[in-house]
Amino acid sequence: MPSATLRNLLLDRLSPEDRAAVLTASTPFEFELGHVFAEAGDTVAHVHFVLGGIISAVADMQDGRTVETFMVGREGVTTPGAINVPVRTYSRLVGQSPGETRRIDVTRLRALCDERPDLRLVVALYAAGLQGELEQSGACNALHRADQRFSKWLLRCHDRLDGDTLHLTQEYLASLLGSQRTTVNEAAQGLQKAGAISYSRGRVTILDRAALERAACECYTNGRRSSLDIPTPE
C-alpha cells in the first residue's frame, strides 16, 4: 500500500506555481515491492518524484551477487541527471518498499526546467547531494563493518518511511548490503540484544533510534547531510 504521507520534499521546496506545473505535467504511479522501474542500460523515459515508499538502485554482478548503490524516497527523484541530457541507467531501479510517485515524461520535465529555473536548481542540488552520498558510500563499503553499515541502512530506510516497522527478509537485506545472509543475521541479533530493534520473520521494528544511530558509522550523518538537507531556492 502507498505511504500515508504523500508528499515529496523536493516539490515542497518549489514555489506554488512551479509545484503546480510539475503536478499538472505528471501522473500518479503506485508501485509494489520488487517493481522494476528500469534495468541497467535502459534509456530514461520517465522520472519519478517519490511520494512514499523507497526505490533502490541495485547493481547486479556477473556472479549473481547484488548490492544497493543508493536509495530514493520522498526526499528525491529518480535519475536527476536526466533533466539536462538523455541518459541511461547505470543500475537496476527497483521498488524496495511499496509506495507512490508522480511520474513525468523526461522530455516534458526538461522543457519545464527550461521554463522554470528554480525547478532545475532544486533537482540539480539534489543530484549534487546524491553524488556526495555515493562518494561517502564508496568509502563506507570499503572501511566499515557490516553491522555499522546495516545500522546505517536501517536508519536511511527509517528516514524515508512512515512508522517504525520495515518489512524486509534476510535474503533481501543481504542482497542489498552485498553481504552473506549469516552476516546480516549476526548484525540484526546484535542490534536486537542492544535493544535498538526487534527482528522476526522479515519484520524489523526500530525500538530505540538513538541506539541505532550510535551503532551506525559516521557515514549515516554525512550521507544524510548530503542527500536530505537540500536548500530552498532564494
C-alpha atoms as a PDB file:
ATOM      1  CA  MET A   1       0.000   0.000   0.000  1.00  0.00           C
ATOM      2  CA  PRO A   2       1.215   3.552  -0.635  1.00  0.00           C
ATOM      3  CA  SER A   3       2.582   5.595   2.207  1.00  0.00           C
ATOM      4  CA  ALA A   4       0.114   7.620   4.255  1.00  0.00           C
ATOM      5  CA  THR A   5       2.306  10.692   3.742  1.00  0.00           C
ATOM      6  CA  LEU A   6       2.083  11.609   0.060  1.00  0.00           C
ATOM      7  CA  ARG A   7       4.492  14.497  -0.340  1.00  0.00           C
ATOM      8  CA  ASN A   8       7.868  14.981  -1.930  1.00  0.00           C
ATOM      9  CA  LEU A   9      10.436  17.194  -0.205  1.00  0.00           C
ATOM     10  CA  LEU A  10      11.881  18.474  -3.479  1.00  0.00           C
ATOM     11  CA  LEU A  11       8.457  19.582  -4.691  1.00  0.00           C
ATOM     12  CA  ASP A  12       7.860  21.161  -1.274  1.00  0.00           C
ATOM     13  CA  ARG A  13      10.858  23.422  -1.891  1.00  0.00           C
ATOM     14  CA  LEU A  14       9.354  24.851  -5.075  1.00  0.00           C
ATOM     15  CA  SER A  15       7.138  27.882  -5.376  1.00  0.00           C
ATOM     16  CA  PRO A  16       3.405  27.064  -5.569  1.00  0.00           C
ATOM     17  CA  GLU A  17       3.475  27.907  -9.288  1.00  0.00           C
ATOM     18  CA  ASP A  18       6.426  25.619 -10.087  1.00  0.00           C
ATOM     19  CA  ARG A  19       4.983  22.819  -7.955  1.00  0.00           C
ATOM     20  CA  ALA A  20       1.622  23.092  -9.692  1.00  0.00           C
ATOM     21  CA  ALA A  21       3.328  22.926 -13.092  1.00  0.00           C
ATOM     22  CA  VAL A  22       5.074  19.648 -12.166  1.00  0.00           C
ATOM     23  CA  LEU A  23       1.893  18.153 -10.723  1.00  0.00           C
ATOM     24  CA  THR A  24      -0.083  19.111 -13.839  1.00  0.00           C
ATOM     25  CA  ALA A  25       2.515  17.527 -16.143  1.00  0.00           C
ATOM     26  CA  SER A  26       2.854  14.328 -14.097  1.00  0.00           C
ATOM     27  CA  THR A  27       0.601  11.408 -13.214  1.00  0.00           C
ATOM     28  CA  PRO A  28       0.271   9.333 -10.016  1.00  0.00           C
ATOM     29  CA  PHE A  29       2.037   5.974 -10.133  1.00  0.00           C
ATOM     30  CA  GLU A  30       1.731   3.273  -7.468  1.00  0.00           C
ATOM     31  CA  PHE A  31       4.347   0.533  -7.132  1.00  0.00           C
ATOM     32  CA  GLU A  32       4.802  -2.637  -5.100  1.00  0.00           C
ATOM     33  CA  LEU A  33       7.830  -4.318  -3.571  1.00  0.00           C
ATOM     34  CA  GLY A  34      10.016  -5.663  -6.376  1.00  0.00           C
ATOM     35  CA  HIS A  35       8.569  -3.487  -9.143  1.00  0.00           C
ATOM     36  CA  VAL A  36      11.316  -2.829 -11.711  1.00  0.00           C
ATOM     37  CA  PHE A  37      11.329   0.769 -12.940  1.00  0.00           C
ATOM     38  CA  ALA A  38      14.324   0.269 -15.221  1.00  0.00           C
ATOM     39  CA  GLU A  39      17.084  -2.194 -15.976  1.00  0.00           C
ATOM     40  CA  ALA A  40      20.731  -1.184 -16.164  1.00  0.00           C
ATOM     41  CA  GLY A  41      21.422   0.362 -19.543  1.00  0.00           C
ATOM     42  CA  ASP A  42      17.846   1.462 -20.243  1.00  0.00           C
ATOM     43  CA  THR A  43      17.338   4.927 -21.699  1.00  0.00           C
ATOM     44  CA  VAL A  44      15.495   7.038 -19.144  1.00  0.00           C
ATOM     45  CA  ALA A  45      11.994   7.751 -20.440  1.00  0.00           C
ATOM     46  CA  HIS A  46      10.288   8.809 -17.199  1.00  0.00           C
ATOM     47  CA  VAL A  47      11.395  10.441 -13.971  1.00  0.00           C
ATOM     48  CA  HIS A  48       9.678   9.685 -10.657  1.00  0.00           C
ATOM     49  CA  PHE A  49       9.250  12.143  -7.789  1.00  0.00           C
ATOM     50  CA  VAL A  50       8.767   9.741  -4.880  1.00  0.00           C
ATOM     51  CA  LEU A  51       5.862  10.494  -2.540  1.00  0.00           C
ATOM     52  CA  GLY A  52       6.027   7.343  -0.426  1.00  0.00           C
ATOM     53  CA  GLY A  53       7.983   4.096  -0.314  1.00  0.00           C
ATOM     54  CA  ILE A  54      11.569   3.540  -1.430  1.00  0.00           C
ATOM     55  CA  ILE A  55      13.191   2.907  -4.804  1.00  0.00           C
ATOM     56  CA  SER A  56      16.645   1.307  -4.765  1.00  0.00           C
ATOM     57  CA  ALA A  57      19.378   1.407  -7.382  1.00  0.00           C
ATOM     58  CA  VAL A  58      20.782  -2.127  -7.403  1.00  0.00           C
ATOM     59  CA  ALA A  59      23.991  -3.226  -9.120  1.00  0.00           C
ATOM     60  CA  ASP A  60      23.923  -6.807 -10.437  1.00  0.00           C
ATOM     61  CA  MET A  61      27.272  -8.597 -10.675  1.00  0.00           C
ATOM     62  CA  GLN A  62      28.075 -11.335 -13.208  1.00  0.00           C
ATOM     63  CA  ASP A  63      28.394 -13.917 -10.433  1.00  0.00           C
ATOM     64  CA  GLY A  64      24.795 -13.286  -9.361  1.00  0.00           C
ATOM     65  CA  ARG A  65      25.527 -11.095  -6.354  1.00  0.00           C
ATOM     66  CA  THR A  66      23.724  -7.788  -5.942  1.00  0.00           C
ATOM     67  CA  VAL A  67      24.272  -4.670  -3.862  1.00  0.00           C
ATOM     68  CA  GLU A  68      22.291  -1.483  -3.399  1.00  0.00           C
ATOM     69  CA  THR A  69      24.214   1.612  -4.522  1.00  0.00           C
ATOM     70  CA  PHE A  70      21.708   4.233  -3.313  1.00  0.00           C
ATOM     71  CA  MET A  71      18.048   4.659  -2.409  1.00  0.00           C
ATOM     72  CA  VAL A  72      15.450   7.310  -3.231  1.00  0.00           C
ATOM     73  CA  GLY A  73      12.487   8.098  -1.018  1.00  0.00           C
ATOM     74  CA  ARG A  74      10.217  11.082  -0.597  1.00  0.00           C
ATOM     75  CA  GLU A  75      13.282  13.326  -0.370  1.00  0.00           C
ATOM     76  CA  GLY A  76      14.151  12.874  -4.014  1.00  0.00           C
ATOM     77  CA  VAL A  77      13.669  11.945  -7.627  1.00  0.00           C
ATOM     78  CA  THR A  78      14.963   9.108  -9.794  1.00  0.00           C
ATOM     79  CA  THR A  79      17.758   9.750 -12.324  1.00  0.00           C
ATOM     80  CA  PRO A  80      18.064  13.518 -11.661  1.00  0.00           C
ATOM     81  CA  GLY A  81      20.787  13.853 -14.309  1.00  0.00           C
ATOM     82  CA  ALA A  82      18.142  13.297 -16.971  1.00  0.00           C
ATOM     83  CA  ILE A  83      16.947  16.903 -16.597  1.00  0.00           C
ATOM     84  CA  ASN A  84      19.910  18.019 -18.696  1.00  0.00           C
ATOM     85  CA  VAL A  85      20.623  15.365 -21.338  1.00  0.00           C
ATOM     86  CA  PRO A  86      19.364  11.936 -22.402  1.00  0.00           C
ATOM     87  CA  VAL A  87      20.921   9.354 -20.084  1.00  0.00           C
ATOM     88  CA  ARG A  88      20.907   5.622 -19.486  1.00  0.00           C
ATOM     89  CA  THR A  89      20.565   3.993 -16.099  1.00  0.00           C
ATOM     90  CA  TYR A  90      23.721   2.526 -14.551  1.00  0.00           C
ATOM     91  CA  SER A  91      21.835   0.206 -12.166  1.00  0.00           C
ATOM     92  CA  ARG A  92      18.515  -1.588 -11.932  1.00  0.00           C
ATOM     93  CA  LEU A  93      15.859   0.610 -10.295  1.00  0.00           C
ATOM     94  CA  VAL A  94      13.518  -1.489  -8.161  1.00  0.00           C
ATOM     95  CA  GLY A  95      10.844  -0.867  -5.542  1.00  0.00           C
ATOM     96  CA  GLN A  96      12.256  -1.719  -2.126  1.00  0.00           C
ATOM     97  CA  SER A  97       9.176  -0.666  -0.166  1.00  0.00           C
ATOM     98  CA  PRO A  98       5.709  -0.129  -1.736  1.00  0.00           C
ATOM     99  CA  GLY A  99       4.721   3.434  -2.409  1.00  0.00           C
ATOM    100  CA  GLU A 100       3.635   6.078  -4.859  1.00  0.00           C
ATOM    101  CA  THR A 101       5.311   8.586  -7.155  1.00  0.00           C
ATOM    102  CA  ARG A 102       4.482  11.386  -9.530  1.00  0.00           C
ATOM    103  CA  ARG A 103       5.713  10.113 -12.891  1.00  0.00           C
ATOM    104  CA  ILE A 104       6.643  12.599 -15.592  1.00  0.00           C
ATOM    105  CA  ASP A 105       7.917  12.140 -19.125  1.00  0.00           C
ATOM    106  CA  VAL A 106      11.572  13.124 -19.124  1.00  0.00           C
ATOM    107  CA  THR A 107      11.300  15.354 -22.199  1.00  0.00           C
ATOM    108  CA  ARG A 108       8.417  17.212 -20.554  1.00  0.00           C
ATOM    109  CA  LEU A 109      10.483  17.648 -17.391  1.00  0.00           C
ATOM    110  CA  ARG A 110      13.402  19.056 -19.392  1.00  0.00           C
ATOM    111  CA  ALA A 111      11.049  21.564 -21.001  1.00  0.00           C
ATOM    112  CA  LEU A 112       9.703  22.568 -17.593  1.00  0.00           C
ATOM    113  CA  CYS A 113      13.258  23.028 -16.304  1.00  0.00           C
ATOM    114  CA  ASP A 114      13.992  25.332 -19.245  1.00  0.00           C
ATOM    115  CA  GLU A 115      10.893  27.371 -18.400  1.00  0.00           C
ATOM    116  CA  ARG A 116      11.383  27.310 -14.625  1.00  0.00           C
ATOM    117  CA  PRO A 117      14.996  27.782 -13.455  1.00  0.00           C
ATOM    118  CA  ASP A 118      14.175  27.153  -9.778  1.00  0.00           C
ATOM    119  CA  LEU A 119      12.923  23.679 -10.683  1.00  0.00           C
ATOM    120  CA  ARG A 120      16.191  22.924 -12.463  1.00  0.00           C
ATOM    121  CA  LEU A 121      18.153  24.301  -9.494  1.00  0.00           C
ATOM    122  CA  VAL A 122      16.325  22.164  -6.914  1.00  0.00           C
ATOM    123  CA  VAL A 123      16.817  18.969  -8.914  1.00  0.00           C
ATOM    124  CA  ALA A 124      20.478  19.866  -9.594  1.00  0.00           C
ATOM    125  CA  LEU A 125      21.099  20.457  -5.879  1.00  0.00           C
ATOM    126  CA  TYR A 126      19.579  17.075  -5.104  1.00  0.00           C
ATOM    127  CA  ALA A 127      21.800  15.447  -7.755  1.00  0.00           C
ATOM    128  CA  ALA A 128      24.875  17.078  -6.173  1.00  0.00           C
ATOM    129  CA  GLY A 129      23.849  15.827  -2.735  1.00  0.00           C
ATOM    130  CA  LEU A 130      23.286  12.331  -4.093  1.00  0.00           C
ATOM    131  CA  GLN A 131      26.770  12.390  -5.616  1.00  0.00           C
ATOM    132  CA  GLY A 132      28.169  13.266  -2.186  1.00  0.00           C
ATOM    133  CA  GLU A 133      26.294  10.351  -0.629  1.00  0.00           C
ATOM    134  CA  LEU A 134      27.654   7.982  -3.289  1.00  0.00           C
ATOM    135  CA  GLU A 135      31.224   9.116  -2.588  1.00  0.00           C
ATOM    136  CA  GLN A 136      30.690   8.592   1.144  1.00  0.00           C
ATOM    137  CA  SER A 137      29.217   5.133   0.497  1.00  0.00           C
ATOM    138  CA  GLY A 138      32.268   4.119  -1.523  1.00  0.00           C
ATOM    139  CA  ALA A 139      34.482   4.748   1.498  1.00  0.00           C
ATOM    140  CA  CYS A 140      31.935   3.177   3.852  1.00  0.00           C
ATOM    141  CA  ASN A 141      31.699  -0.097   1.928  1.00  0.00           C
ATOM    142  CA  ALA A 142      35.476  -0.430   1.903  1.00  0.00           C
ATOM    143  CA  LEU A 143      36.228   0.527   5.503  1.00  0.00           C
ATOM    144  CA  HIS A 144      33.302  -0.120   7.817  1.00  0.00           C
ATOM    145  CA  ARG A 145      31.968  -3.284   9.421  1.00  0.00           C
ATOM    146  CA  ALA A 146      28.785  -4.968   8.223  1.00  0.00           C
ATOM    147  CA  ASP A 147      26.940  -4.206  11.480  1.00  0.00           C
ATOM    148  CA  GLN A 148      27.727  -0.481  11.115  1.00  0.00           C
ATOM    149  CA  ARG A 149      26.558  -0.459   7.505  1.00  0.00           C
ATOM    150  CA  PHE A 150      23.438  -2.432   8.454  1.00  0.00           C
ATOM    151  CA  SER A 151      22.577   0.148  11.127  1.00  0.00           C
ATOM    152  CA  LYS A 152      23.166   2.969   8.645  1.00  0.00           C
ATOM    153  CA  TRP A 153      20.932   1.292   6.073  1.00  0.00           C
ATOM    154  CA  LEU A 154      18.080   0.815   8.579  1.00  0.00           C
ATOM    155  CA  LEU A 155      18.309   4.476   9.574  1.00  0.00           C
ATOM    156  CA  ARG A 156      18.182   5.565   5.951  1.00  0.00           C
ATOM    157  CA  CYS A 157      15.040   3.484   5.427  1.00  0.00           C
ATOM    158  CA  HIS A 158      13.516   4.851   8.634  1.00  0.00           C
ATOM    159  CA  ASP A 159      14.104   8.423   7.415  1.00  0.00           C
ATOM    160  CA  ARG A 160      12.089   7.745   4.281  1.00  0.00           C
ATOM    161  CA  LEU A 161       9.152   5.689   5.583  1.00  0.00           C
ATOM    162  CA  ASP A 162       6.186   6.292   7.858  1.00  0.00           C
ATOM    163  CA  GLY A 163       6.199   4.306  11.084  1.00  0.00           C
ATOM    164  CA  ASP A 164       8.892   2.249  12.768  1.00  0.00           C
ATOM    165  CA  THR A 165       8.423  -1.151  11.097  1.00  0.00           C
ATOM    166  CA  LEU A 166      10.209  -2.298   7.938  1.00  0.00           C
ATOM    167  CA  HIS A 167       9.163  -5.495   6.131  1.00  0.00           C
ATOM    168  CA  LEU A 168      12.388  -6.996   4.782  1.00  0.00           C
ATOM    169  CA  THR A 169      13.625 -10.577   4.541  1.00  0.00           C
ATOM    170  CA  GLN A 170      17.165 -11.661   5.448  1.00  0.00           C
ATOM    171  CA  GLU A 171      17.784 -12.671   1.848  1.00  0.00           C
ATOM    172  CA  TYR A 172      16.694  -9.270   0.569  1.00  0.00           C
ATOM    173  CA  LEU A 173      18.729  -7.416   3.166  1.00  0.00           C
ATOM    174  CA  ALA A 174      21.803  -9.489   2.361  1.00  0.00           C
ATOM    175  CA  SER A 175      21.458  -8.835  -1.365  1.00  0.00           C
ATOM    176  CA  LEU A 176      21.075  -5.090  -0.867  1.00  0.00           C
ATOM    177  CA  LEU A 177      24.014  -4.894   1.526  1.00  0.00           C
ATOM    178  CA  GLY A 178      26.225  -7.189  -0.543  1.00  0.00           C
ATOM    179  CA  SER A 179      26.684  -9.463   2.484  1.00  0.00           C
ATOM    180  CA  GLN A 180      26.055 -13.084   3.365  1.00  0.00           C
ATOM    181  CA  ARG A 181      22.735 -13.903   4.995  1.00  0.00           C
ATOM    182  CA  THR A 182      24.586 -15.079   8.111  1.00  0.00           C
ATOM    183  CA  THR A 183      26.372 -11.717   8.363  1.00  0.00           C
ATOM    184  CA  VAL A 184      23.066  -9.845   8.265  1.00  0.00           C
ATOM    185  CA  ASN A 185      21.601 -12.232  10.852  1.00  0.00           C
ATOM    186  CA  GLU A 186      24.530 -11.638  13.215  1.00  0.00           C
ATOM    187  CA  ALA A 187      24.209  -7.865  12.816  1.00  0.00           C
ATOM    188  CA  ALA A 188      20.453  -7.991  13.440  1.00  0.00           C
ATOM    189  CA  GLN A 189      20.886 -10.168  16.529  1.00  0.00           C
ATOM    190  CA  GLY A 190      23.481  -7.770  17.937  1.00  0.00           C
ATOM    191  CA  LEU A 191      21.177  -4.791  17.477  1.00  0.00           C
ATOM    192  CA  GLN A 192      18.297  -6.741  18.975  1.00  0.00           C
ATOM    193  CA  LYS A 193      20.340  -7.589  22.080  1.00  0.00           C
ATOM    194  CA  ALA A 194      21.231  -3.908  22.417  1.00  0.00           C
ATOM    195  CA  GLY A 195      17.531  -3.025  22.359  1.00  0.00           C
ATOM    196  CA  ALA A 196      17.810  -0.985  19.176  1.00  0.00           C
ATOM    197  CA  ILE A 197      15.497  -3.146  17.053  1.00  0.00           C
ATOM    198  CA  SER A 198      13.275  -6.193  17.143  1.00  0.00           C
ATOM    199  CA  TYR A 199      13.606  -8.608  14.254  1.00  0.00           C
ATOM    200  CA  SER A 200      11.382 -11.530  13.342  1.00  0.00           C
ATOM    201  CA  ARG A 201      10.377 -13.187  10.077  1.00  0.00           C
ATOM    202  CA  GLY A 202      11.342 -10.339   7.806  1.00  0.00           C
ATOM    203  CA  ARG A 203       9.954  -7.600  10.030  1.00  0.00           C
ATOM    204  CA  VAL A 204      12.354  -5.082  11.535  1.00  0.00           C
ATOM    205  CA  THR A 205      10.953  -2.644  14.104  1.00  0.00           C
ATOM    206  CA  ILE A 206      13.007   0.343  15.261  1.00  0.00           C
ATOM    207  CA  LEU A 207      12.735   0.392  19.083  1.00  0.00           C
ATOM    208  CA  ASP A 208      15.488   2.845  20.028  1.00  0.00           C
ATOM    209  CA  ARG A 209      16.589   5.135  17.217  1.00  0.00           C
ATOM    210  CA  ALA A 210      19.283   6.783  19.346  1.00  0.00           C
ATOM    211  CA  ALA A 211      20.869   3.377  19.983  1.00  0.00           C
ATOM    212  CA  LEU A 212      20.726   2.605  16.269  1.00  0.00           C
ATOM    213  CA  GLU A 213      22.434   5.908  15.484  1.00  0.00           C
ATOM    214  CA  ARG A 214      25.206   5.063  17.968  1.00  0.00           C
ATOM    215  CA  ALA A 215      25.687   1.697  16.249  1.00  0.00           C
ATOM    216  CA  ALA A 216      25.923   3.232  12.775  1.00  0.00           C
ATOM    217  CA  CYS A 217      29.123   4.581  11.289  1.00  0.00           C
ATOM    218  CA  GLU A 218      29.736   8.291  10.664  1.00  0.00           C
ATOM    219  CA  CYS A 219      28.589   7.812   7.057  1.00  0.00           C
ATOM    220  CA  TYR A 220      24.946   7.909   8.110  1.00  0.00           C
ATOM    221  CA  THR A 221      25.209  11.501   9.332  1.00  0.00           C
ATOM    222  CA  ASN A 222      27.433  12.586   6.463  1.00  0.00           C
ATOM    223  CA  GLY A 223      25.260  10.913   3.829  1.00  0.00           C
ATOM    224  CA  ARG A 224      22.068  12.300   5.327  1.00  0.00           C
ATOM    225  CA  ARG A 225      23.507  15.805   5.230  1.00  0.00           C
ATOM    226  CA  SER A 226      24.339  15.327   1.541  1.00  0.00           C
ATOM    227  CA  SER A 227      21.074  13.865   0.244  1.00  0.00           C
ATOM    228  CA  LEU A 228      18.355  15.110   2.618  1.00  0.00           C
ATOM    229  CA  ASP A 229      19.355  18.658   3.540  1.00  0.00           C
ATOM    230  CA  ILE A 230      18.686  20.349   0.217  1.00  0.00           C
ATOM    231  CA  PRO A 231      18.465  24.168   0.404  1.00  0.00           C
ATOM    232  CA  THR A 232      15.412  26.042  -0.838  1.00  0.00           C
ATOM    233  CA  PRO A 233      15.973  28.478  -3.718  1.00  0.00           C
ATOM    234  CA  GLU A 234      16.067  32.104  -2.590  1.00  0.00           C
END
